[in-house]
Structures are given as C-alpha cells and as structure tokens.
Amino acid sequence: MTSIGVKSTEVSRKNNLTKRRKRKTNPGKVLAWVAMIIVVLITLFPFYWMLRTALSTNASLYAEPGSFLPPEFSTGGFQRVFGTQSVEDAVAEGGTVTDMNFWRYILNSTIVATLVTAGQLLFCSMAAYAFARLKFKGRDTVFGIFIAGLMIPSIFTLLPNFVLIKELGLVDNVLGIALPTMLMTPFAIFFLRQFFMNIPREIEEAALLDGISRIGIFFKVIIPMAAAPLATLGILTYMTAWNDYFWPLMVSYTDQSRVLTVALGIFRAQTPTSGTDWAGLMAATLVAAAPMMVLFSLFAKRIVNSIGFNGLK
C-alpha cells in the first residue's frame, strides 16, 4: 500500500510539473508580456530622453544629437533652473541667462492648484448632493444642461472667461487664473453624483430622525462616507490645474502670477547668439512634472478603484 501511495504521489507531481510547463510556454501569455513591455518602454522613453537631455550641455547636444547617452554629462541645466549657476558657466554651456524665479513659479502653481481643488471639492460636492437627493422642479433638466457642458470644447470658453476676468480686474493675478474652474465643473458634479446615488437613503432618514438637519447630514454623514471619491477627485483636479498651460498663458504676464508651466517658455527664448536652451528646458520640465508623477504613482490604484466603483467608463 505504501509503494502504491508513493507511486501515486510521484504521478501527481509529474502531472503538476507538466501542467506548469504548459502554462509557462503559453504563447498567448508570452505575446501579451512582450506587448506590455513594448508599451511600457514606449511610454517611458520620452522621460528617459528628457533626463538624457537635461544631463547634457547644449553644445554637446548639437554636436551629437542622436547619442543615446548624455554626450557630455553636466548638471548645468538643473543649476540654471534653481539659479545656482554662474553667468559665465551658463554662457559656456550655451544656456539661457535669465533671472528666473523658479521658486516663485512653483508657489504660484501650488496656490492656483490648491484654490481650484479646494473650491471644486466644496461646491461640486454640494451641487452633486443636490442633484442626487433633493427633489425640485426641473432638476433633471438642469443636470442635463450641466452634463451637456462636457461636450463643449474648453477653447470656446477662453474668450468669455478672459473678458470676465478683465472686467473683474483679476488679470495677472493668481485668483484670476483659478477662478474659472474653482467653483465647479460638469465632470466633478457628475463624478460625485454617481457616488451619492449609491448611498442608501435609510442612513439619511435615520439621521433625520435623530434631529440632524440636511446641512448637518451632508457634512457629518455624507462627506465622511465620500472620503475616497473626494480624494480621487481632488488628485485628478490638482493634477489638471497644475498642468494647465493655455489659460494661465492668457492672463498672466509677470512673475507675480506666472505659473510653472508658462515659465518653462523662458528656456525657449531665441537670441541672436544662441538657440533654445534644451538642457535647461528639459531640466525644468522634469522638475515641474516630478510632483505630479509622484502623486499619481502613489494614488493610481485608488483612482482606478474609485472610478470603477462609481460606474464611470
């Protein structure tokens, strides 16, 4: 009996090994992995090329434009971004000589992104709750108008917004940059409304029986339950506001309100003696993109899960 048991065990092990080998040699999985690796490499290659360019000198870039590695290693691009490189060294490397106040631009971008994010989380959550729970005449019609706003290209609203900001005297002001998207957006209202509609009404009815007002229910019950989608919306909104370029370009003219994305154009300035400061431009671009890349990498899973839970496709 013992020998039979040993033989059966060996047979089962061989069968398991055979199954594992078949799984390992599955051509479909191999092709899927190859395709995924190719897509990842294509996605990461621009970031590598930016880093390679940022760690080179402009003279070497023009001399060896197709080099895969930095033709001449240098951190001068990053030094020019943070204002630590001397004028002589900048000229020697073919860099842009400016009084760029990089920390001021980071501060302006942070203020604008924070104002837009905080405003949208507050006002859009209240509007979404009203559309999800309150019953009033024309509610569905008004919500349909809001959703129709998603189909309007943002470029159509640039001129009316600029006229409004000019009349308010907020041109060249960080508040003027943030105001058009600070109160609410159709996507944010739709995103939060989908979540609020999934909250059982019994919870709110129980709170009403306990004597809590509608406003109290919203802030004490609904908002804590909506922490995950609010965090997701906040991250997406912050990234969008941080990366915005065209609208800040229209309304900011000095360092008082110039945000980081607009300030990157300083390195594109053409002069009679030198061309574009590619090393400085790529260094500034990497520094500007780094916070958003870290933010997204930390919360990517939460964003995907929250969007899937809300039923958005």
C-alpha atoms as a PDB file:
ATOM      1  CA  MET A   1       0.000   0.000   0.000  1.00  0.00           C
ATOM      2  CA  THR A   2       2.859   2.319   0.826  1.00  0.00           C
ATOM      3  CA  SER A   3       4.518   1.761  -2.551  1.00  0.00           C
ATOM      4  CA  ILE A   4       1.225   2.428  -4.316  1.00  0.00           C
ATOM      5  CA  GLY A   5       0.828   5.679  -2.385  1.00  0.00           C
ATOM      6  CA  VAL A   6       4.372   6.757  -3.268  1.00  0.00           C
ATOM      7  CA  LYS A   7       3.787   5.991  -6.945  1.00  0.00           C
ATOM      8  CA  SER A   8       0.545   7.946  -6.987  1.00  0.00           C
ATOM      9  CA  THR A   9       2.297  10.893  -5.347  1.00  0.00           C
ATOM     10  CA  GLU A  10       5.042  10.799  -7.971  1.00  0.00           C
ATOM     11  CA  VAL A  11       2.469  10.622 -10.766  1.00  0.00           C
ATOM     12  CA  SER A  12       0.614  13.621  -9.371  1.00  0.00           C
ATOM     13  CA  ARG A  13       3.883  15.582  -9.126  1.00  0.00           C
ATOM     14  CA  LYS A  14       4.718  14.775 -12.724  1.00  0.00           C
ATOM     15  CA  ASN A  15       1.262  15.868 -13.810  1.00  0.00           C
ATOM     16  CA  ASN A  16       1.626  19.121 -11.915  1.00  0.00           C
ATOM     17  CA  LEU A  17       5.027  19.737 -13.471  1.00  0.00           C
ATOM     18  CA  THR A  18       3.603  19.039 -16.925  1.00  0.00           C
ATOM     19  CA  LYS A  19       0.745  21.495 -16.319  1.00  0.00           C
ATOM     20  CA  ARG A  20       3.169  24.176 -15.108  1.00  0.00           C
ATOM     21  CA  ARG A  21       5.349  23.714 -18.171  1.00  0.00           C
ATOM     22  CA  LYS A  22       2.331  24.049 -20.416  1.00  0.00           C
ATOM     23  CA  ARG A  23       1.324  27.209 -18.620  1.00  0.00           C
ATOM     24  CA  LYS A  24       4.821  28.657 -18.863  1.00  0.00           C
ATOM     25  CA  THR A  25       5.032  28.014 -22.586  1.00  0.00           C
ATOM     26  CA  ASN A  26       1.602  29.507 -23.338  1.00  0.00           C
ATOM     27  CA  PRO A  27       2.268  31.588 -26.491  1.00  0.00           C
ATOM     28  CA  GLY A  28      -0.640  33.936 -25.748  1.00  0.00           C
ATOM     29  CA  LYS A  29       0.812  34.969 -22.409  1.00  0.00           C
ATOM     30  CA  VAL A  30       4.254  35.381 -23.914  1.00  0.00           C
ATOM     31  CA  LEU A  31       2.895  37.702 -26.613  1.00  0.00           C
ATOM     32  CA  ALA A  32       0.912  39.621 -24.011  1.00  0.00           C
ATOM     33  CA  TRP A  33       4.012  40.159 -21.872  1.00  0.00           C
ATOM     34  CA  VAL A  34       6.062  41.186 -24.900  1.00  0.00           C
ATOM     35  CA  ALA A  35       3.389  43.655 -25.980  1.00  0.00           C
ATOM     36  CA  MET A  36       3.121  45.075 -22.456  1.00  0.00           C
ATOM     37  CA  ILE A  37       6.883  45.515 -22.178  1.00  0.00           C
ATOM     38  CA  ILE A  38       6.982  47.282 -25.536  1.00  0.00           C
ATOM     39  CA  VAL A  39       4.184  49.640 -24.470  1.00  0.00           C
ATOM     40  CA  VAL A  40       5.956  50.391 -21.168  1.00  0.00           C
ATOM     41  CA  LEU A  41       9.230  51.128 -22.970  1.00  0.00           C
ATOM     42  CA  ILE A  42       7.481  53.408 -25.462  1.00  0.00           C
ATOM     43  CA  THR A  43       5.780  55.219 -22.588  1.00  0.00           C
ATOM     44  CA  LEU A  44       8.943  55.659 -20.529  1.00  0.00           C
ATOM     45  CA  PHE A  45      11.261  56.546 -23.400  1.00  0.00           C
ATOM     46  CA  PRO A  46      10.246  60.257 -23.568  1.00  0.00           C
ATOM     47  CA  PHE A  47      11.018  60.615 -19.858  1.00  0.00           C
ATOM     48  CA  TYR A  48      14.400  58.988 -20.359  1.00  0.00           C
ATOM     49  CA  TRP A  49      15.128  61.282 -23.311  1.00  0.00           C
ATOM     50  CA  MET A  50      14.227  64.317 -21.207  1.00  0.00           C
ATOM     51  CA  LEU A  51      16.585  63.129 -18.461  1.00  0.00           C
ATOM     52  CA  ARG A  52      19.342  62.434 -21.003  1.00  0.00           C
ATOM     53  CA  THR A  53      18.909  65.909 -22.482  1.00  0.00           C
ATOM     54  CA  ALA A  54      18.777  67.596 -19.067  1.00  0.00           C
ATOM     55  CA  LEU A  55      22.070  65.972 -18.033  1.00  0.00           C
ATOM     56  CA  SER A  56      23.931  67.231 -21.114  1.00  0.00           C
ATOM     57  CA  THR A  57      25.358  70.517 -22.322  1.00  0.00           C
ATOM     58  CA  ASN A  58      23.714  72.332 -25.213  1.00  0.00           C
ATOM     59  CA  ALA A  59      26.937  72.332 -27.219  1.00  0.00           C
ATOM     60  CA  SER A  60      27.263  68.539 -26.973  1.00  0.00           C
ATOM     61  CA  LEU A  61      23.591  68.075 -27.856  1.00  0.00           C
ATOM     62  CA  TYR A  62      24.058  69.980 -31.103  1.00  0.00           C
ATOM     63  CA  ALA A  63      27.312  68.118 -31.795  1.00  0.00           C
ATOM     64  CA  GLU A  64      25.871  64.622 -31.144  1.00  0.00           C
ATOM     65  CA  PRO A  65      22.073  64.892 -31.462  1.00  0.00           C
ATOM     66  CA  GLY A  66      21.465  61.152 -31.840  1.00  0.00           C
ATOM     67  CA  SER A  67      23.529  59.935 -28.890  1.00  0.00           C
ATOM     68  CA  PHE A  68      21.553  57.561 -26.643  1.00  0.00           C
ATOM     69  CA  LEU A  69      23.551  58.536 -23.559  1.00  0.00           C
ATOM     70  CA  PRO A  70      24.355  62.123 -22.470  1.00  0.00           C
ATOM     71  CA  PRO A  71      27.070  63.280 -24.898  1.00  0.00           C
ATOM     72  CA  GLU A  72      28.728  65.351 -22.185  1.00  0.00           C
ATOM     73  CA  PHE A  73      27.464  64.842 -18.643  1.00  0.00           C
ATOM     74  CA  SER A  74      26.532  68.058 -16.869  1.00  0.00           C
ATOM     75  CA  THR A  75      24.057  69.201 -14.220  1.00  0.00           C
ATOM     76  CA  GLY A  76      24.149  72.755 -15.543  1.00  0.00           C
ATOM     77  CA  GLY A  77      20.532  72.555 -16.720  1.00  0.00           C
ATOM     78  CA  PHE A  78      19.267  71.884 -13.204  1.00  0.00           C
ATOM     79  CA  GLN A  79      21.591  74.556 -11.811  1.00  0.00           C
ATOM     80  CA  ARG A  80      20.122  77.133 -14.191  1.00  0.00           C
ATOM     81  CA  VAL A  81      16.611  76.123 -13.171  1.00  0.00           C
ATOM     82  CA  PHE A  82      17.315  76.726  -9.478  1.00  0.00           C
ATOM     83  CA  GLY A  83      19.502  79.778 -10.136  1.00  0.00           C
ATOM     84  CA  THR A  84      22.745  78.340  -8.751  1.00  0.00           C
ATOM     85  CA  GLN A  85      24.847  78.515 -11.917  1.00  0.00           C
ATOM     86  CA  SER A  86      27.051  81.493 -12.653  1.00  0.00           C
ATOM     87  CA  VAL A  87      26.559  83.569 -15.783  1.00  0.00           C
ATOM     88  CA  GLU A  88      29.947  82.513 -17.148  1.00  0.00           C
ATOM     89  CA  ASP A  89      29.179  78.813 -16.810  1.00  0.00           C
ATOM     90  CA  ALA A  90      25.737  79.277 -18.342  1.00  0.00           C
ATOM     91  CA  VAL A  91      27.187  81.065 -21.365  1.00  0.00           C
ATOM     92  CA  ALA A  92      29.908  78.427 -21.713  1.00  0.00           C
ATOM     93  CA  GLU A  93      27.271  75.660 -21.844  1.00  0.00           C
ATOM     94  CA  GLY A  94      25.090  77.590 -24.269  1.00  0.00           C
ATOM     95  CA  GLY A  95      22.355  78.035 -21.663  1.00  0.00           C
ATOM     96  CA  THR A  96      19.780  80.759 -21.161  1.00  0.00           C
ATOM     97  CA  VAL A  97      20.937  83.572 -18.872  1.00  0.00           C
ATOM     98  CA  THR A  98      17.839  84.801 -17.005  1.00  0.00           C
ATOM     99  CA  ASP A  99      16.727  85.896 -13.565  1.00  0.00           C
ATOM    100  CA  MET A 100      14.226  83.054 -13.444  1.00  0.00           C
ATOM    101  CA  ASN A 101      12.462  82.935 -10.071  1.00  0.00           C
ATOM    102  CA  PHE A 102      11.712  79.223 -10.138  1.00  0.00           C
ATOM    103  CA  TRP A 103      10.512  79.018  -6.542  1.00  0.00           C
ATOM    104  CA  ARG A 104       8.029  81.845  -7.184  1.00  0.00           C
ATOM    105  CA  TYR A 105       6.592  79.919 -10.124  1.00  0.00           C
ATOM    106  CA  ILE A 106       6.263  76.773  -8.012  1.00  0.00           C
ATOM    107  CA  LEU A 107       4.465  78.799  -5.334  1.00  0.00           C
ATOM    108  CA  ASN A 108       2.066  80.298  -7.899  1.00  0.00           C
ATOM    109  CA  SER A 109       1.298  76.849  -9.351  1.00  0.00           C
ATOM    110  CA  THR A 110       0.714  75.463  -5.864  1.00  0.00           C
ATOM    111  CA  ILE A 111      -1.651  78.317  -4.937  1.00  0.00           C
ATOM    112  CA  VAL A 112      -3.651  78.006  -8.160  1.00  0.00           C
ATOM    113  CA  ALA A 113      -3.924  74.203  -7.966  1.00  0.00           C
ATOM    114  CA  THR A 114      -4.904  74.361  -4.278  1.00  0.00           C
ATOM    115  CA  LEU A 115      -7.595  77.011  -4.859  1.00  0.00           C
ATOM    116  CA  VAL A 116      -9.088  75.087  -7.792  1.00  0.00           C
ATOM    117  CA  THR A 117      -9.051  71.774  -5.927  1.00  0.00           C
ATOM    118  CA  ALA A 118     -10.488  73.116  -2.666  1.00  0.00           C
ATOM    119  CA  GLY A 119     -13.191  75.093  -4.478  1.00  0.00           C
ATOM    120  CA  GLN A 120     -14.284  72.184  -6.645  1.00  0.00           C
ATOM    121  CA  LEU A 121     -14.392  69.727  -3.755  1.00  0.00           C
ATOM    122  CA  LEU A 122     -16.639  72.058  -1.744  1.00  0.00           C
ATOM    123  CA  PHE A 123     -19.022  73.430  -4.362  1.00  0.00           C
ATOM    124  CA  CYS A 124     -19.185  70.372  -6.624  1.00  0.00           C
ATOM    125  CA  SER A 125     -19.943  68.066  -3.712  1.00  0.00           C
ATOM    126  CA  MET A 126     -22.832  70.291  -2.636  1.00  0.00           C
ATOM    127  CA  ALA A 127     -24.200  70.522  -6.183  1.00  0.00           C
ATOM    128  CA  ALA A 128     -23.805  66.766  -6.723  1.00  0.00           C
ATOM    129  CA  TYR A 129     -25.651  66.026  -3.472  1.00  0.00           C
ATOM    130  CA  ALA A 130     -28.483  68.337  -4.513  1.00  0.00           C
ATOM    131  CA  PHE A 131     -28.825  66.566  -7.866  1.00  0.00           C
ATOM    132  CA  ALA A 132     -28.665  63.137  -6.220  1.00  0.00           C
ATOM    133  CA  ARG A 133     -31.014  63.652  -3.249  1.00  0.00           C
ATOM    134  CA  LEU A 134     -33.061  66.844  -3.376  1.00  0.00           C
ATOM    135  CA  LYS A 135     -36.262  66.888  -5.378  1.00  0.00           C
ATOM    136  CA  PHE A 136     -37.085  70.154  -7.120  1.00  0.00           C
ATOM    137  CA  LYS A 137     -38.774  71.145 -10.324  1.00  0.00           C
ATOM    138  CA  GLY A 138     -36.523  70.903 -13.370  1.00  0.00           C
ATOM    139  CA  ARG A 139     -33.783  69.008 -11.542  1.00  0.00           C
ATOM    140  CA  ASP A 140     -33.140  66.531 -14.332  1.00  0.00           C
ATOM    141  CA  THR A 141     -33.231  69.291 -16.953  1.00  0.00           C
ATOM    142  CA  VAL A 142     -30.674  71.378 -15.097  1.00  0.00           C
ATOM    143  CA  PHE A 143     -28.462  68.331 -14.592  1.00  0.00           C
ATOM    144  CA  GLY A 144     -28.727  67.532 -18.307  1.00  0.00           C
ATOM    145  CA  ILE A 145     -27.519  71.060 -19.081  1.00  0.00           C
ATOM    146  CA  PHE A 146     -24.554  70.525 -16.782  1.00  0.00           C
ATOM    147  CA  ILE A 147     -23.706  67.235 -18.488  1.00  0.00           C
ATOM    148  CA  ALA A 148     -24.018  68.904 -21.901  1.00  0.00           C
ATOM    149  CA  GLY A 149     -21.210  71.185 -20.760  1.00  0.00           C
ATOM    150  CA  LEU A 150     -18.863  68.206 -21.076  1.00  0.00           C
ATOM    151  CA  MET A 151     -19.361  68.333 -24.853  1.00  0.00           C
ATOM    152  CA  ILE A 152     -18.272  71.979 -25.145  1.00  0.00           C
ATOM    153  CA  PRO A 153     -14.564  72.294 -26.001  1.00  0.00           C
ATOM    154  CA  SER A 154     -12.738  74.376 -23.410  1.00  0.00           C
ATOM    155  CA  ILE A 155     -11.281  76.642 -26.081  1.00  0.00           C
ATOM    156  CA  PHE A 156     -14.787  78.043 -26.717  1.00  0.00           C
ATOM    157  CA  THR A 157     -14.912  79.419 -23.177  1.00  0.00           C
ATOM    158  CA  LEU A 158     -11.490  81.087 -23.179  1.00  0.00           C
ATOM    159  CA  LEU A 159     -12.587  84.412 -24.659  1.00  0.00           C
ATOM    160  CA  PRO A 160     -15.711  84.860 -22.446  1.00  0.00           C
ATOM    161  CA  ASN A 161     -13.687  83.921 -19.369  1.00  0.00           C
ATOM    162  CA  PHE A 162     -10.934  86.363 -20.310  1.00  0.00           C
ATOM    163  CA  VAL A 163     -13.447  89.203 -20.742  1.00  0.00           C
ATOM    164  CA  LEU A 164     -14.989  88.366 -17.355  1.00  0.00           C
ATOM    165  CA  ILE A 165     -11.626  88.211 -15.576  1.00  0.00           C
ATOM    166  CA  LYS A 166     -10.590  91.508 -17.188  1.00  0.00           C
ATOM    167  CA  GLU A 167     -13.808  93.217 -16.053  1.00  0.00           C
ATOM    168  CA  LEU A 168     -13.195  91.924 -12.521  1.00  0.00           C
ATOM    169  CA  GLY A 169      -9.680  93.375 -12.567  1.00  0.00           C
ATOM    170  CA  LEU A 170      -8.052  89.987 -11.954  1.00  0.00           C
ATOM    171  CA  VAL A 171      -5.710  89.861 -14.962  1.00  0.00           C
ATOM    172  CA  ASP A 172      -2.152  88.974 -13.912  1.00  0.00           C
ATOM    173  CA  ASN A 173      -3.450  87.580 -10.618  1.00  0.00           C
ATOM    174  CA  VAL A 174      -3.391  84.013  -9.312  1.00  0.00           C
ATOM    175  CA  LEU A 175      -7.071  84.322  -8.369  1.00  0.00           C
ATOM    176  CA  GLY A 176      -7.878  85.219 -11.964  1.00  0.00           C
ATOM    177  CA  ILE A 177      -6.157  82.025 -13.118  1.00  0.00           C
ATOM    178  CA  ALA A 178      -8.018  79.835 -10.639  1.00  0.00           C
ATOM    179  CA  LEU A 179     -11.482  81.447 -10.720  1.00  0.00           C
ATOM    180  CA  PRO A 180     -12.947  79.993 -13.986  1.00  0.00           C
ATOM    181  CA  THR A 181     -12.575  76.393 -12.749  1.00  0.00           C
ATOM    182  CA  MET A 182     -12.583  76.998  -8.999  1.00  0.00           C
ATOM    183  CA  LEU A 183     -16.341  76.902  -8.380  1.00  0.00           C
ATOM    184  CA  MET A 184     -17.401  73.769 -10.272  1.00  0.00           C
ATOM    185  CA  THR A 185     -17.013  71.674 -13.412  1.00  0.00           C
ATOM    186  CA  PRO A 186     -19.537  69.313 -15.067  1.00  0.00           C
ATOM    187  CA  PHE A 187     -17.261  66.292 -14.700  1.00  0.00           C
ATOM    188  CA  ALA A 188     -16.773  66.804 -10.962  1.00  0.00           C
ATOM    189  CA  ILE A 189     -20.521  67.113 -10.364  1.00  0.00           C
ATOM    190  CA  PHE A 190     -21.251  64.020 -12.436  1.00  0.00           C
ATOM    191  CA  PHE A 191     -18.466  62.051 -10.754  1.00  0.00           C
ATOM    192  CA  LEU A 192     -19.675  62.776  -7.211  1.00  0.00           C
ATOM    193  CA  ARG A 193     -23.375  62.427  -8.064  1.00  0.00           C
ATOM    194  CA  GLN A 194     -22.761  58.831  -9.164  1.00  0.00           C
ATOM    195  CA  PHE A 195     -21.360  58.028  -5.728  1.00  0.00           C
ATOM    196  CA  PHE A 196     -24.035  59.876  -3.739  1.00  0.00           C
ATOM    197  CA  MET A 197     -26.785  57.983  -5.582  1.00  0.00           C
ATOM    198  CA  ASN A 198     -25.317  54.693  -4.317  1.00  0.00           C
ATOM    199  CA  ILE A 199     -25.566  55.729  -0.642  1.00  0.00           C
ATOM    200  CA  PRO A 200     -28.635  54.109   0.979  1.00  0.00           C
ATOM    201  CA  ARG A 201     -31.362  56.614   1.806  1.00  0.00           C
ATOM    202  CA  GLU A 202     -32.015  54.804   5.084  1.00  0.00           C
ATOM    203  CA  ILE A 203     -28.813  56.291   6.522  1.00  0.00           C
ATOM    204  CA  GLU A 204     -30.042  59.829   5.881  1.00  0.00           C
ATOM    205  CA  GLU A 205     -33.526  59.019   7.170  1.00  0.00           C
ATOM    206  CA  ALA A 206     -32.042  57.691  10.397  1.00  0.00           C
ATOM    207  CA  ALA A 207     -30.007  60.885  10.772  1.00  0.00           C
ATOM    208  CA  LEU A 208     -33.143  62.981  10.213  1.00  0.00           C
ATOM    209  CA  LEU A 209     -34.928  61.051  12.959  1.00  0.00           C
ATOM    210  CA  ASP A 210     -32.021  61.876  15.266  1.00  0.00           C
ATOM    211  CA  GLY A 211     -32.694  65.569  14.658  1.00  0.00           C
ATOM    212  CA  ILE A 212     -29.827  66.345  12.285  1.00  0.00           C
ATOM    213  CA  SER A 213     -30.590  68.943   9.619  1.00  0.00           C
ATOM    214  CA  ARG A 214     -29.990  68.427   5.900  1.00  0.00           C
ATOM    215  CA  ILE A 215     -26.844  70.524   6.069  1.00  0.00           C
ATOM    216  CA  GLY A 216     -25.665  68.556   9.077  1.00  0.00           C
ATOM    217  CA  ILE A 217     -26.325  65.270   7.274  1.00  0.00           C
ATOM    218  CA  PHE A 218     -24.268  66.458   4.333  1.00  0.00           C
ATOM    219  CA  PHE A 219     -21.227  67.497   6.351  1.00  0.00           C
ATOM    220  CA  LYS A 220     -21.397  64.934   9.174  1.00  0.00           C
ATOM    221  CA  VAL A 221     -22.631  61.833   7.331  1.00  0.00           C
ATOM    222  CA  ILE A 222     -22.272  62.109   3.554  1.00  0.00           C
ATOM    223  CA  ILE A 223     -18.873  63.802   3.333  1.00  0.00           C
ATOM    224  CA  PRO A 224     -17.106  61.272   5.644  1.00  0.00           C
ATOM    225  CA  MET A 225     -18.625  58.417   3.626  1.00  0.00           C
ATOM    226  CA  ALA A 226     -17.432  60.041   0.387  1.00  0.00           C
ATOM    227  CA  ALA A 227     -13.806  60.387   1.503  1.00  0.00           C
ATOM    228  CA  ALA A 228     -12.486  58.007  -1.180  1.00  0.00           C
ATOM    229  CA  PRO A 229     -14.166  59.607  -4.237  1.00  0.00           C
ATOM    230  CA  LEU A 230     -13.414  63.089  -2.882  1.00  0.00           C
ATOM    231  CA  ALA A 231      -9.737  62.163  -2.557  1.00  0.00           C
ATOM    232  CA  THR A 232      -9.757  60.772  -6.099  1.00  0.00           C
ATOM    233  CA  LEU A 233     -11.431  63.889  -7.493  1.00  0.00           C
ATOM    234  CA  GLY A 234      -9.010  66.067  -5.551  1.00  0.00           C
ATOM    235  CA  ILE A 235      -5.988  64.298  -7.021  1.00  0.00           C
ATOM    236  CA  LEU A 236      -7.325  64.472 -10.585  1.00  0.00           C
ATOM    237  CA  THR A 237      -8.293  68.136 -10.189  1.00  0.00           C
ATOM    238  CA  TYR A 238      -4.943  69.079  -8.665  1.00  0.00           C
ATOM    239  CA  MET A 239      -3.035  67.397 -11.485  1.00  0.00           C
ATOM    240  CA  THR A 240      -5.181  69.089 -14.135  1.00  0.00           C
ATOM    241  CA  ALA A 241      -4.786  72.527 -12.554  1.00  0.00           C
ATOM    242  CA  TRP A 242      -1.028  72.039 -12.121  1.00  0.00           C
ATOM    243  CA  ASN A 243      -0.538  71.056 -15.773  1.00  0.00           C
ATOM    244  CA  ASP A 244      -2.809  73.728 -17.268  1.00  0.00           C
ATOM    245  CA  TYR A 245      -0.977  75.948 -19.742  1.00  0.00           C
ATOM    246  CA  PHE A 246      -3.101  77.873 -22.226  1.00  0.00           C
ATOM    247  CA  TRP A 247      -5.405  79.714 -19.801  1.00  0.00           C
ATOM    248  CA  PRO A 248      -2.564  80.847 -17.458  1.00  0.00           C
ATOM    249  CA  LEU A 249      -0.667  81.980 -20.561  1.00  0.00           C
ATOM    250  CA  MET A 250      -3.573  84.268 -21.491  1.00  0.00           C
ATOM    251  CA  VAL A 251      -3.994  86.009 -18.138  1.00  0.00           C
ATOM    252  CA  SER A 252      -0.530  86.093 -16.515  1.00  0.00           C
ATOM    253  CA  TYR A 253       2.165  88.463 -17.745  1.00  0.00           C
ATOM    254  CA  THR A 254       4.636  88.925 -14.872  1.00  0.00           C
ATOM    255  CA  ASP A 255       6.310  86.860 -12.170  1.00  0.00           C
ATOM    256  CA  GLN A 256       3.560  87.974  -9.796  1.00  0.00           C
ATOM    257  CA  SER A 257       1.173  85.377 -11.245  1.00  0.00           C
ATOM    258  CA  ARG A 258       3.202  83.336 -13.754  1.00  0.00           C
ATOM    259  CA  VAL A 259       2.810  79.616 -13.083  1.00  0.00           C
ATOM    260  CA  LEU A 260       5.397  76.940 -13.684  1.00  0.00           C
ATOM    261  CA  THR A 261       4.071  75.616 -16.990  1.00  0.00           C
ATOM    262  CA  VAL A 262       4.145  79.093 -18.526  1.00  0.00           C
ATOM    263  CA  ALA A 263       7.556  79.869 -17.047  1.00  0.00           C
ATOM    264  CA  LEU A 264       9.060  76.924 -18.928  1.00  0.00           C
ATOM    265  CA  GLY A 265       8.775  79.029 -22.086  1.00  0.00           C
ATOM    266  CA  ILE A 266      11.645  81.181 -20.824  1.00  0.00           C
ATOM    267  CA  PHE A 267      14.070  78.461 -21.895  1.00  0.00           C
ATOM    268  CA  ARG A 268      12.578  78.558 -25.388  1.00  0.00           C
ATOM    269  CA  ALA A 269      13.605  82.187 -25.880  1.00  0.00           C
ATOM    270  CA  GLN A 270      15.629  82.643 -29.056  1.00  0.00           C
ATOM    271  CA  THR A 271      18.572  85.048 -29.046  1.00  0.00           C
ATOM    272  CA  PRO A 272      20.918  86.113 -31.849  1.00  0.00           C
ATOM    273  CA  THR A 273      23.813  84.308 -30.199  1.00  0.00           C
ATOM    274  CA  SER A 274      22.226  81.037 -29.096  1.00  0.00           C
ATOM    275  CA  GLY A 275      19.218  78.868 -29.761  1.00  0.00           C
ATOM    276  CA  THR A 276      16.884  77.070 -27.411  1.00  0.00           C
ATOM    277  CA  ASP A 277      18.343  76.028 -24.063  1.00  0.00           C
ATOM    278  CA  TRP A 278      17.295  72.390 -24.439  1.00  0.00           C
ATOM    279  CA  ALA A 279      19.165  71.180 -21.369  1.00  0.00           C
ATOM    280  CA  GLY A 280      17.589  73.838 -19.150  1.00  0.00           C
ATOM    281  CA  LEU A 281      14.149  73.328 -20.697  1.00  0.00           C
ATOM    282  CA  MET A 282      14.201  69.565 -20.123  1.00  0.00           C
ATOM    283  CA  ALA A 283      15.536  70.001 -16.575  1.00  0.00           C
ATOM    284  CA  ALA A 284      12.753  72.467 -15.756  1.00  0.00           C
ATOM    285  CA  THR A 285      10.167  70.157 -17.355  1.00  0.00           C
ATOM    286  CA  LEU A 286      11.319  67.213 -15.249  1.00  0.00           C
ATOM    287  CA  VAL A 287      11.215  69.267 -12.067  1.00  0.00           C
ATOM    288  CA  ALA A 288       7.732  70.524 -12.952  1.00  0.00           C
ATOM    289  CA  ALA A 289       6.439  67.043 -13.767  1.00  0.00           C
ATOM    290  CA  ALA A 290       8.060  65.248 -10.824  1.00  0.00           C
ATOM    291  CA  PRO A 291       5.443  66.201  -8.152  1.00  0.00           C
ATOM    292  CA  MET A 292       2.545  65.050 -10.340  1.00  0.00           C
ATOM    293  CA  MET A 293       4.318  61.822 -11.290  1.00  0.00           C
ATOM    294  CA  VAL A 294       4.910  61.013  -7.622  1.00  0.00           C
ATOM    295  CA  LEU A 295       1.325  61.949  -6.721  1.00  0.00           C
ATOM    296  CA  PHE A 296      -0.162  59.755  -9.427  1.00  0.00           C
ATOM    297  CA  SER A 297       2.124  56.805  -8.701  1.00  0.00           C
ATOM    298  CA  LEU A 298       1.092  56.891  -5.031  1.00  0.00           C
ATOM    299  CA  PHE A 299      -2.654  57.109  -5.666  1.00  0.00           C
ATOM    300  CA  ALA A 300      -3.076  55.416  -9.060  1.00  0.00           C
ATOM    301  CA  LYS A 301      -4.741  52.330  -7.567  1.00  0.00           C
ATOM    302  CA  ARG A 302      -7.204  54.423  -5.545  1.00  0.00           C
ATOM    303  CA  ILE A 303      -8.107  56.469  -8.628  1.00  0.00           C
ATOM    304  CA  VAL A 304      -8.829  53.368 -10.714  1.00  0.00           C
ATOM    305  CA  ASN A 305     -10.829  51.694  -7.942  1.00  0.00           C
ATOM    306  CA  SER A 306     -12.900  54.795  -7.248  1.00  0.00           C
ATOM    307  CA  ILE A 307     -13.707  55.364 -10.910  1.00  0.00           C
ATOM    308  CA  GLY A 308     -14.721  51.712 -11.269  1.00  0.00           C
ATOM    309  CA  PHE A 309     -16.906  51.890  -8.164  1.00  0.00           C
ATOM    310  CA  ASN A 310     -18.695  54.995  -9.442  1.00  0.00           C
ATOM    311  CA  GLY A 311     -19.528  53.215 -12.669  1.00  0.00           C
ATOM    312  CA  LEU A 312     -17.606  55.573 -14.943  1.00  0.00           C
ATOM    313  CA  LYS A 313     -16.217  54.131 -18.130  1.00  0.00           C
END
